[in-house]
Amino acid sequence: MNMQNMRDEELMLEYQKGTMNAMEEFLRRYKNPIYRFAFRLCANEAEAQDIAQETFLRLHEHRGQYRPVGKFSTWLFSIAHNIAISRFRKVNRFVLWPRKPDDPDESVEFESNAPSPSQTLERSDFENAIKKCIQDLPFLQKEALLLCGYESLDYKEIAKILNKSLGN
């Protein structure tokens, strides 16, 4: 059985039947996206690794509860989201919406031409500033931004993961 050609939902159904090799395929597909999502949320490698590891542990533990009614990736990112929220609440790093009215909103433009060395240095500084700004966002805003901008999930999937209405 070639698991690489299976859709996530089909692969999960196989995993539920006891095909243990399916976990290797899930790790191949989602280990990096889940880790990147967690790292961008907490900006801490060890914490991101713990969140990612716990996500796959929970996937295994709760495999019997999965129902193919939505996208598998939405279900998996929801698990990572819930783990992150639990951890952030424990260390009081969880911030609720909305942002403060005096928080700055800045437009960002990226050049498409090949950068010069000085532009590369300037861009590196700029990227570090953006990363810091993302880290300073309230938790739910940061999560929504990361899921949309970095993981390319649509608004409907993000709303399900964050357990919010589509309008929010």
N, C-alpha and C. Protein backbone atom coordinates (compact mmCIF):
# COMPACT_ATOMS: atom_id res chain seq x y z
N MET A 1 0.85 -1.17 0.00
CA MET A 1 0.00 0.00 0.00
C MET A 1 0.90 1.24 0.00
N ASN A 2 0.73 2.12 -0.99
CA ASN A 2 1.54 3.33 -1.10
C ASN A 2 0.86 4.47 -0.34
N MET A 3 1.34 4.74 0.86
CA MET A 3 0.72 5.74 1.73
C MET A 3 1.00 7.16 1.27
N GLN A 4 2.07 7.36 0.51
CA GLN A 4 2.41 8.71 0.06
C GLN A 4 1.36 9.27 -0.89
N ASN A 5 0.63 8.41 -1.57
CA ASN A 5 -0.39 8.87 -2.52
C ASN A 5 -1.77 8.99 -1.88
N MET A 6 -1.89 8.61 -0.63
CA MET A 6 -3.19 8.68 0.04
C MET A 6 -3.46 10.09 0.55
N ARG A 7 -4.72 10.47 0.52
CA ARG A 7 -5.13 11.72 1.16
C ARG A 7 -5.01 11.54 2.67
N ASP A 8 -4.86 12.65 3.37
CA ASP A 8 -4.70 12.60 4.83
C ASP A 8 -5.84 11.84 5.50
N GLU A 9 -7.06 12.11 5.06
CA GLU A 9 -8.23 11.51 5.68
C GLU A 9 -8.22 9.99 5.49
N GLU A 10 -7.84 9.54 4.30
CA GLU A 10 -7.74 8.10 4.02
C GLU A 10 -6.64 7.47 4.87
N LEU A 11 -5.53 8.17 4.98
CA LEU A 11 -4.40 7.69 5.77
C LEU A 11 -4.80 7.54 7.24
N MET A 12 -5.56 8.50 7.74
CA MET A 12 -6.00 8.43 9.14
C MET A 12 -6.93 7.25 9.35
N LEU A 13 -7.80 6.97 8.40
CA LEU A 13 -8.69 5.81 8.52
C LEU A 13 -7.88 4.51 8.55
N GLU A 14 -6.81 4.46 7.76
CA GLU A 14 -5.92 3.30 7.79
C GLU A 14 -5.22 3.20 9.15
N TYR A 15 -4.83 4.33 9.69
CA TYR A 15 -4.17 4.35 11.00
C TYR A 15 -5.13 3.84 12.07
N GLN A 16 -6.39 4.22 11.97
CA GLN A 16 -7.38 3.75 12.92
C GLN A 16 -7.55 2.23 12.85
N LYS A 17 -7.34 1.67 11.65
CA LYS A 17 -7.47 0.22 11.47
C LYS A 17 -6.25 -0.53 12.00
N GLY A 18 -5.20 0.20 12.36
CA GLY A 18 -4.03 -0.44 12.92
C GLY A 18 -2.79 -0.42 12.04
N THR A 19 -2.84 0.29 10.92
CA THR A 19 -1.68 0.40 10.05
C THR A 19 -0.71 1.40 10.67
N MET A 20 0.24 0.89 11.46
CA MET A 20 1.13 1.76 12.23
C MET A 20 2.10 2.56 11.36
N ASN A 21 2.38 2.09 10.15
CA ASN A 21 3.26 2.86 9.26
C ASN A 21 2.66 4.20 8.88
N ALA A 22 1.38 4.36 9.09
CA ALA A 22 0.72 5.63 8.76
C ALA A 22 1.30 6.78 9.59
N MET A 23 1.70 6.51 10.82
CA MET A 23 2.27 7.57 11.65
C MET A 23 3.54 8.11 11.03
N GLU A 24 4.35 7.25 10.44
CA GLU A 24 5.57 7.72 9.78
C GLU A 24 5.22 8.69 8.66
N GLU A 25 4.15 8.41 7.94
CA GLU A 25 3.73 9.29 6.84
C GLU A 25 3.19 10.61 7.40
N PHE A 26 2.44 10.56 8.49
CA PHE A 26 1.97 11.80 9.11
C PHE A 26 3.14 12.65 9.58
N LEU A 27 4.13 12.01 10.17
CA LEU A 27 5.31 12.74 10.61
C LEU A 27 6.03 13.36 9.41
N ARG A 28 6.16 12.63 8.34
CA ARG A 28 6.80 13.16 7.13
C ARG A 28 6.06 14.38 6.61
N ARG A 29 4.74 14.32 6.62
CA ARG A 29 3.92 15.41 6.08
C ARG A 29 3.81 16.61 7.01
N TYR A 30 3.69 16.36 8.30
CA TYR A 30 3.29 17.43 9.21
C TYR A 30 4.28 17.79 10.31
N LYS A 31 5.37 17.04 10.45
CA LYS A 31 6.33 17.34 11.52
C LYS A 31 6.84 18.78 11.40
N ASN A 32 7.28 19.17 10.23
CA ASN A 32 7.82 20.52 10.05
C ASN A 32 6.75 21.60 10.14
N PRO A 33 5.59 21.46 9.47
CA PRO A 33 4.57 22.51 9.61
C PRO A 33 4.09 22.71 11.05
N ILE A 34 3.90 21.62 11.78
CA ILE A 34 3.46 21.75 13.18
C ILE A 34 4.55 22.40 14.03
N TYR A 35 5.80 21.99 13.83
CA TYR A 35 6.91 22.59 14.57
C TYR A 35 7.02 24.08 14.25
N ARG A 36 6.97 24.44 12.95
CA ARG A 36 7.08 25.86 12.56
C ARG A 36 5.96 26.68 13.20
N PHE A 37 4.74 26.14 13.16
CA PHE A 37 3.59 26.83 13.77
C PHE A 37 3.86 27.05 15.27
N ALA A 38 4.28 26.01 15.95
CA ALA A 38 4.54 26.12 17.39
C ALA A 38 5.69 27.08 17.67
N PHE A 39 6.76 27.00 16.87
CA PHE A 39 7.91 27.88 17.09
C PHE A 39 7.54 29.34 16.87
N ARG A 40 6.75 29.60 15.86
CA ARG A 40 6.35 30.99 15.60
C ARG A 40 5.43 31.51 16.70
N LEU A 41 4.71 30.63 17.36
CA LEU A 41 3.87 31.05 18.47
C LEU A 41 4.69 31.38 19.71
N CYS A 42 5.68 30.54 20.01
CA CYS A 42 6.37 30.69 21.30
C CYS A 42 7.80 31.19 21.18
N ALA A 43 8.38 31.18 19.97
CA ALA A 43 9.75 31.66 19.74
C ALA A 43 10.76 30.97 20.65
N ASN A 44 10.52 29.70 20.93
CA ASN A 44 11.41 28.93 21.79
C ASN A 44 11.50 27.53 21.21
N GLU A 45 12.70 27.12 20.81
CA GLU A 45 12.88 25.83 20.13
C GLU A 45 12.43 24.65 20.98
N ALA A 46 12.84 24.63 22.23
CA ALA A 46 12.48 23.51 23.10
C ALA A 46 10.97 23.43 23.31
N GLU A 47 10.34 24.57 23.53
CA GLU A 47 8.90 24.61 23.72
C GLU A 47 8.18 24.17 22.45
N ALA A 48 8.66 24.62 21.30
CA ALA A 48 8.06 24.24 20.02
C ALA A 48 8.20 22.74 19.78
N GLN A 49 9.36 22.19 20.12
CA GLN A 49 9.56 20.74 19.97
C GLN A 49 8.61 19.97 20.88
N ASP A 50 8.43 20.47 22.11
CA ASP A 50 7.51 19.81 23.04
C ASP A 50 6.08 19.85 22.52
N ILE A 51 5.66 20.99 22.00
CA ILE A 51 4.31 21.13 21.46
C ILE A 51 4.12 20.19 20.27
N ALA A 52 5.08 20.16 19.37
CA ALA A 52 4.98 19.29 18.20
C ALA A 52 4.94 17.82 18.62
N GLN A 53 5.82 17.44 19.54
CA GLN A 53 5.85 16.05 19.99
C GLN A 53 4.52 15.67 20.65
N GLU A 54 4.01 16.55 21.49
CA GLU A 54 2.76 16.26 22.17
C GLU A 54 1.60 16.21 21.17
N THR A 55 1.66 16.99 20.12
CA THR A 55 0.62 16.96 19.09
C THR A 55 0.54 15.57 18.46
N PHE A 56 1.68 15.00 18.11
CA PHE A 56 1.68 13.68 17.48
C PHE A 56 1.35 12.58 18.48
N LEU A 57 1.71 12.79 19.73
CA LEU A 57 1.32 11.84 20.77
C LEU A 57 -0.21 11.82 20.91
N ARG A 58 -0.80 13.00 20.91
CA ARG A 58 -2.26 13.08 21.01
C ARG A 58 -2.95 12.55 19.76
N LEU A 59 -2.34 12.77 18.60
CA LEU A 59 -2.88 12.18 17.38
C LEU A 59 -2.99 10.67 17.57
N HIS A 60 -1.94 10.07 18.10
CA HIS A 60 -1.94 8.62 18.33
C HIS A 60 -2.98 8.23 19.38
N GLU A 61 -2.98 8.94 20.51
CA GLU A 61 -3.89 8.59 21.60
C GLU A 61 -5.35 8.75 21.22
N HIS A 62 -5.66 9.75 20.38
CA HIS A 62 -7.05 10.06 20.06
C HIS A 62 -7.42 9.66 18.63
N ARG A 63 -6.65 8.76 18.04
CA ARG A 63 -6.92 8.37 16.66
C ARG A 63 -8.31 7.77 16.50
N GLY A 64 -8.81 7.12 17.52
CA GLY A 64 -10.15 6.54 17.45
C GLY A 64 -11.26 7.57 17.44
N GLN A 65 -10.97 8.78 17.87
CA GLN A 65 -11.99 9.83 17.92
C GLN A 65 -12.09 10.62 16.63
N TYR A 66 -11.11 10.45 15.74
CA TYR A 66 -11.11 11.21 14.49
C TYR A 66 -12.26 10.75 13.59
N ARG A 67 -12.98 11.71 13.04
CA ARG A 67 -14.03 11.45 12.06
C ARG A 67 -13.73 12.30 10.83
N PRO A 68 -13.76 11.71 9.64
CA PRO A 68 -13.40 12.46 8.42
C PRO A 68 -14.49 13.40 7.93
N VAL A 69 -14.94 14.32 8.81
CA VAL A 69 -15.96 15.29 8.41
C VAL A 69 -15.33 16.59 7.90
N GLY A 70 -14.11 16.84 8.26
CA GLY A 70 -13.39 18.03 7.80
C GLY A 70 -12.00 17.63 7.37
N LYS A 71 -11.19 18.64 7.09
CA LYS A 71 -9.82 18.36 6.67
C LYS A 71 -9.01 17.84 7.86
N PHE A 72 -8.20 16.85 7.60
CA PHE A 72 -7.33 16.30 8.63
C PHE A 72 -6.39 17.36 9.18
N SER A 73 -5.83 18.20 8.29
CA SER A 73 -4.88 19.23 8.74
C SER A 73 -5.54 20.17 9.75
N THR A 74 -6.82 20.47 9.55
CA THR A 74 -7.54 21.33 10.50
C THR A 74 -7.60 20.66 11.87
N TRP A 75 -7.89 19.37 11.88
CA TRP A 75 -7.95 18.61 13.13
C TRP A 75 -6.59 18.59 13.81
N LEU A 76 -5.53 18.35 13.04
CA LEU A 76 -4.19 18.27 13.62
C LEU A 76 -3.72 19.62 14.15
N PHE A 77 -3.93 20.70 13.38
CA PHE A 77 -3.54 22.03 13.86
C PHE A 77 -4.38 22.44 15.07
N SER A 78 -5.63 21.95 15.15
CA SER A 78 -6.46 22.23 16.33
C SER A 78 -5.85 21.61 17.57
N ILE A 79 -5.30 20.41 17.42
CA ILE A 79 -4.63 19.75 18.55
C ILE A 79 -3.44 20.60 18.99
N ALA A 80 -2.61 21.03 18.03
CA ALA A 80 -1.44 21.86 18.36
C ALA A 80 -1.88 23.17 19.02
N HIS A 81 -2.93 23.77 18.50
CA HIS A 81 -3.49 25.00 19.06
C HIS A 81 -3.88 24.80 20.52
N ASN A 82 -4.61 23.72 20.80
CA ASN A 82 -5.08 23.46 22.16
C ASN A 82 -3.91 23.21 23.12
N ILE A 83 -2.90 22.51 22.65
CA ILE A 83 -1.72 22.27 23.48
C ILE A 83 -1.01 23.59 23.79
N ALA A 84 -0.85 24.42 22.76
CA ALA A 84 -0.18 25.71 22.96
C ALA A 84 -0.94 26.58 23.94
N ILE A 85 -2.26 26.64 23.80
CA ILE A 85 -3.07 27.44 24.72
C ILE A 85 -2.89 26.94 26.15
N SER A 86 -2.95 25.64 26.34
CA SER A 86 -2.78 25.08 27.69
C SER A 86 -1.43 25.47 28.27
N ARG A 87 -0.39 25.37 27.47
CA ARG A 87 0.96 25.71 27.96
C ARG A 87 1.08 27.20 28.25
N PHE A 88 0.53 28.04 27.38
CA PHE A 88 0.64 29.48 27.58
C PHE A 88 -0.16 29.93 28.80
N ARG A 89 -1.28 29.30 29.04
CA ARG A 89 -2.06 29.65 30.23
C ARG A 89 -1.29 29.30 31.50
N LYS A 90 -0.55 28.20 31.46
CA LYS A 90 0.21 27.78 32.64
C LYS A 90 1.31 28.77 32.99
N VAL A 91 1.86 29.46 31.99
CA VAL A 91 2.94 30.40 32.27
C VAL A 91 2.49 31.85 32.10
N ASN A 92 1.19 32.06 32.05
CA ASN A 92 0.61 33.41 31.97
C ASN A 92 1.10 34.22 30.77
N ARG A 93 1.31 33.54 29.64
CA ARG A 93 1.70 34.25 28.43
C ARG A 93 0.53 34.40 27.48
N PHE A 94 -0.65 33.98 27.90
CA PHE A 94 -1.83 34.01 27.05
C PHE A 94 -2.46 35.40 27.11
N VAL A 95 -2.67 36.02 25.96
CA VAL A 95 -3.24 37.36 25.89
C VAL A 95 -4.52 37.30 25.06
N LEU A 96 -5.57 37.85 25.59
CA LEU A 96 -6.85 37.84 24.89
C LEU A 96 -6.97 39.00 23.92
N TRP A 97 -7.83 38.86 22.91
CA TRP A 97 -8.16 39.93 21.99
C TRP A 97 -9.05 40.90 22.73
N PRO A 98 -9.29 42.09 22.30
CA PRO A 98 -8.67 42.75 21.15
C PRO A 98 -7.37 43.42 21.57
N ARG A 99 -6.68 43.89 20.57
CA ARG A 99 -5.45 44.63 20.85
C ARG A 99 -5.81 45.97 21.48
N LYS A 100 -4.82 46.58 22.09
CA LYS A 100 -5.02 47.91 22.66
C LYS A 100 -5.19 48.91 21.52
N PRO A 101 -6.02 49.93 21.71
CA PRO A 101 -6.24 50.91 20.64
C PRO A 101 -4.98 51.65 20.21
N ASP A 102 -3.99 51.78 21.09
CA ASP A 102 -2.78 52.53 20.74
C ASP A 102 -1.68 51.66 20.13
N ASP A 103 -1.96 50.36 19.86
CA ASP A 103 -0.97 49.51 19.20
C ASP A 103 -0.75 50.00 17.77
N PRO A 104 0.51 50.09 17.34
CA PRO A 104 0.77 50.61 15.98
C PRO A 104 0.42 49.60 14.89
N ASP A 105 -0.09 50.12 13.78
CA ASP A 105 -0.33 49.32 12.59
C ASP A 105 0.58 49.88 11.51
N GLU A 106 1.44 49.03 10.98
CA GLU A 106 2.39 49.48 9.97
C GLU A 106 2.22 48.69 8.69
N SER A 107 2.35 49.36 7.55
CA SER A 107 2.34 48.69 6.26
C SER A 107 3.73 48.17 5.98
N VAL A 108 3.79 47.04 5.27
CA VAL A 108 5.07 46.44 4.94
C VAL A 108 5.12 46.20 3.44
N GLU A 109 6.22 46.60 2.80
CA GLU A 109 6.42 46.35 1.38
C GLU A 109 7.70 45.57 1.21
N PHE A 110 7.67 44.60 0.28
CA PHE A 110 8.85 43.80 0.00
C PHE A 110 9.25 44.03 -1.45
N GLU A 111 10.54 44.27 -1.65
CA GLU A 111 11.05 44.45 -3.01
C GLU A 111 11.22 43.11 -3.68
N SER A 112 11.03 43.09 -5.01
CA SER A 112 11.19 41.84 -5.73
C SER A 112 12.54 41.74 -6.41
N ASN A 113 13.32 42.82 -6.48
CA ASN A 113 14.64 42.79 -7.11
C ASN A 113 15.64 42.10 -6.20
N ALA A 114 16.71 41.57 -6.79
CA ALA A 114 17.77 40.95 -5.99
C ALA A 114 18.41 42.02 -5.11
N PRO A 115 18.51 41.75 -3.82
CA PRO A 115 19.02 42.77 -2.90
C PRO A 115 20.54 42.91 -2.94
N SER A 116 21.00 44.12 -2.66
CA SER A 116 22.43 44.38 -2.51
C SER A 116 22.83 43.92 -1.11
N PRO A 117 24.13 43.85 -0.80
CA PRO A 117 24.54 43.45 0.55
C PRO A 117 23.96 44.36 1.64
N SER A 118 23.93 45.66 1.39
CA SER A 118 23.36 46.55 2.41
C SER A 118 21.85 46.33 2.53
N GLN A 119 21.20 46.04 1.41
CA GLN A 119 19.77 45.74 1.47
C GLN A 119 19.52 44.42 2.19
N THR A 120 20.43 43.46 2.00
CA THR A 120 20.30 42.17 2.68
C THR A 120 20.40 42.36 4.19
N LEU A 121 21.35 43.15 4.63
CA LEU A 121 21.50 43.43 6.05
C LEU A 121 20.28 44.16 6.59
N GLU A 122 19.85 45.16 5.84
CA GLU A 122 18.68 45.93 6.24
C GLU A 122 17.45 45.02 6.31
N ARG A 123 17.34 44.13 5.33
CA ARG A 123 16.19 43.22 5.30
C ARG A 123 16.24 42.26 6.49
N SER A 124 17.44 41.79 6.84
CA SER A 124 17.58 40.91 7.99
C SER A 124 17.10 41.61 9.26
N ASP A 125 17.52 42.87 9.43
CA ASP A 125 17.07 43.65 10.58
C ASP A 125 15.55 43.82 10.56
N PHE A 126 15.04 44.08 9.37
CA PHE A 126 13.60 44.27 9.21
C PHE A 126 12.85 42.98 9.55
N GLU A 127 13.36 41.85 9.05
CA GLU A 127 12.71 40.57 9.33
C GLU A 127 12.73 40.27 10.82
N ASN A 128 13.81 40.59 11.47
CA ASN A 128 13.87 40.39 12.92
C ASN A 128 12.86 41.27 13.63
N ALA A 129 12.68 42.49 13.14
CA ALA A 129 11.68 43.40 13.72
C ALA A 129 10.27 42.84 13.51
N ILE A 130 10.02 42.28 12.32
CA ILE A 130 8.70 41.68 12.04
C ILE A 130 8.47 40.49 12.96
N LYS A 131 9.47 39.65 13.11
CA LYS A 131 9.34 38.50 14.01
C LYS A 131 9.02 38.95 15.42
N LYS A 132 9.68 40.02 15.86
CA LYS A 132 9.40 40.53 17.20
C LYS A 132 7.98 41.06 17.29
N CYS A 133 7.55 41.78 16.25
CA CYS A 133 6.17 42.30 16.23
C CYS A 133 5.16 41.17 16.29
N ILE A 134 5.43 40.10 15.53
CA ILE A 134 4.52 38.95 15.55
C ILE A 134 4.48 38.36 16.95
N GLN A 135 5.64 38.24 17.59
CA GLN A 135 5.69 37.68 18.95
C GLN A 135 4.94 38.56 19.94
N ASP A 136 4.90 39.87 19.68
CA ASP A 136 4.24 40.79 20.60
C ASP A 136 2.73 40.87 20.40
N LEU A 137 2.21 40.27 19.33
CA LEU A 137 0.77 40.28 19.09
C LEU A 137 0.05 39.50 20.18
N PRO A 138 -1.19 39.86 20.45
CA PRO A 138 -1.98 39.01 21.35
C PRO A 138 -2.03 37.59 20.76
N PHE A 139 -2.10 36.61 21.64
CA PHE A 139 -1.94 35.22 21.25
C PHE A 139 -2.85 34.79 20.09
N LEU A 140 -4.13 35.07 20.18
CA LEU A 140 -5.06 34.62 19.13
C LEU A 140 -4.79 35.30 17.80
N GLN A 141 -4.43 36.58 17.82
CA GLN A 141 -4.09 37.27 16.58
C GLN A 141 -2.84 36.66 15.96
N LYS A 142 -1.87 36.36 16.82
CA LYS A 142 -0.63 35.75 16.34
C LYS A 142 -0.93 34.40 15.71
N GLU A 143 -1.75 33.61 16.37
CA GLU A 143 -2.11 32.30 15.84
C GLU A 143 -2.79 32.41 14.49
N ALA A 144 -3.77 33.30 14.39
CA ALA A 144 -4.49 33.47 13.13
C ALA A 144 -3.55 33.91 12.02
N LEU A 145 -2.67 34.85 12.32
CA LEU A 145 -1.70 35.33 11.33
C LEU A 145 -0.77 34.21 10.87
N LEU A 146 -0.27 33.43 11.79
CA LEU A 146 0.65 32.34 11.44
C LEU A 146 -0.03 31.26 10.62
N LEU A 147 -1.25 30.91 11.00
CA LEU A 147 -1.97 29.87 10.26
C LEU A 147 -2.29 30.32 8.85
N CYS A 148 -2.61 31.59 8.69
CA CYS A 148 -2.93 32.11 7.36
C CYS A 148 -1.67 32.39 6.55
N GLY A 149 -0.77 33.15 7.11
CA GLY A 149 0.39 33.61 6.37
C GLY A 149 1.48 32.58 6.16
N TYR A 150 1.69 31.71 7.12
CA TYR A 150 2.78 30.75 7.03
C TYR A 150 2.32 29.34 6.67
N GLU A 151 1.14 28.96 7.13
CA GLU A 151 0.66 27.61 6.86
C GLU A 151 -0.36 27.59 5.72
N SER A 152 -0.72 28.76 5.20
CA SER A 152 -1.61 28.92 4.04
C SER A 152 -2.98 28.26 4.23
N LEU A 153 -3.48 28.30 5.45
CA LEU A 153 -4.81 27.77 5.70
C LEU A 153 -5.84 28.86 5.39
N ASP A 154 -7.03 28.45 4.96
CA ASP A 154 -8.05 29.44 4.66
C ASP A 154 -8.77 29.86 5.95
N TYR A 155 -9.55 30.93 5.85
CA TYR A 155 -10.19 31.50 7.04
C TYR A 155 -11.13 30.51 7.73
N LYS A 156 -11.82 29.70 6.94
CA LYS A 156 -12.75 28.73 7.52
C LYS A 156 -12.00 27.71 8.37
N GLU A 157 -10.86 27.21 7.87
CA GLU A 157 -10.05 26.27 8.64
C GLU A 157 -9.50 26.93 9.90
N ILE A 158 -9.05 28.17 9.76
CA ILE A 158 -8.49 28.89 10.91
C ILE A 158 -9.56 29.09 11.97
N ALA A 159 -10.77 29.44 11.56
CA ALA A 159 -11.87 29.62 12.50
C ALA A 159 -12.14 28.32 13.27
N LYS A 160 -12.11 27.18 12.57
CA LYS A 160 -12.32 25.89 13.24
C LYS A 160 -11.20 25.60 14.23
N ILE A 161 -9.96 25.83 13.80
CA ILE A 161 -8.81 25.55 14.67
C ILE A 161 -8.88 26.41 15.93
N LEU A 162 -9.21 27.69 15.77
CA LEU A 162 -9.23 28.61 16.91
C LEU A 162 -10.55 28.57 17.68
N ASN A 163 -11.49 27.77 17.16
CA ASN A 163 -12.80 27.67 17.78
C ASN A 163 -13.50 29.03 17.89
N LYS A 164 -13.42 29.77 16.79
CA LYS A 164 -14.03 31.09 16.69
C LYS A 164 -14.97 31.10 15.49
N SER A 165 -15.89 32.05 15.45
CA SER A 165 -16.75 32.17 14.28
C SER A 165 -15.94 32.71 13.13
N LEU A 166 -16.39 32.48 11.91
CA LEU A 166 -15.68 32.93 10.74
C LEU A 166 -15.56 34.46 10.72
N GLY A 167 -16.56 35.15 11.22
CA GLY A 167 -16.53 36.61 11.29
C GLY A 167 -15.47 37.16 12.22
N ASN A 168 -15.13 36.41 13.25
CA ASN A 168 -14.12 36.86 14.19
C ASN A 168 -12.74 36.62 13.64
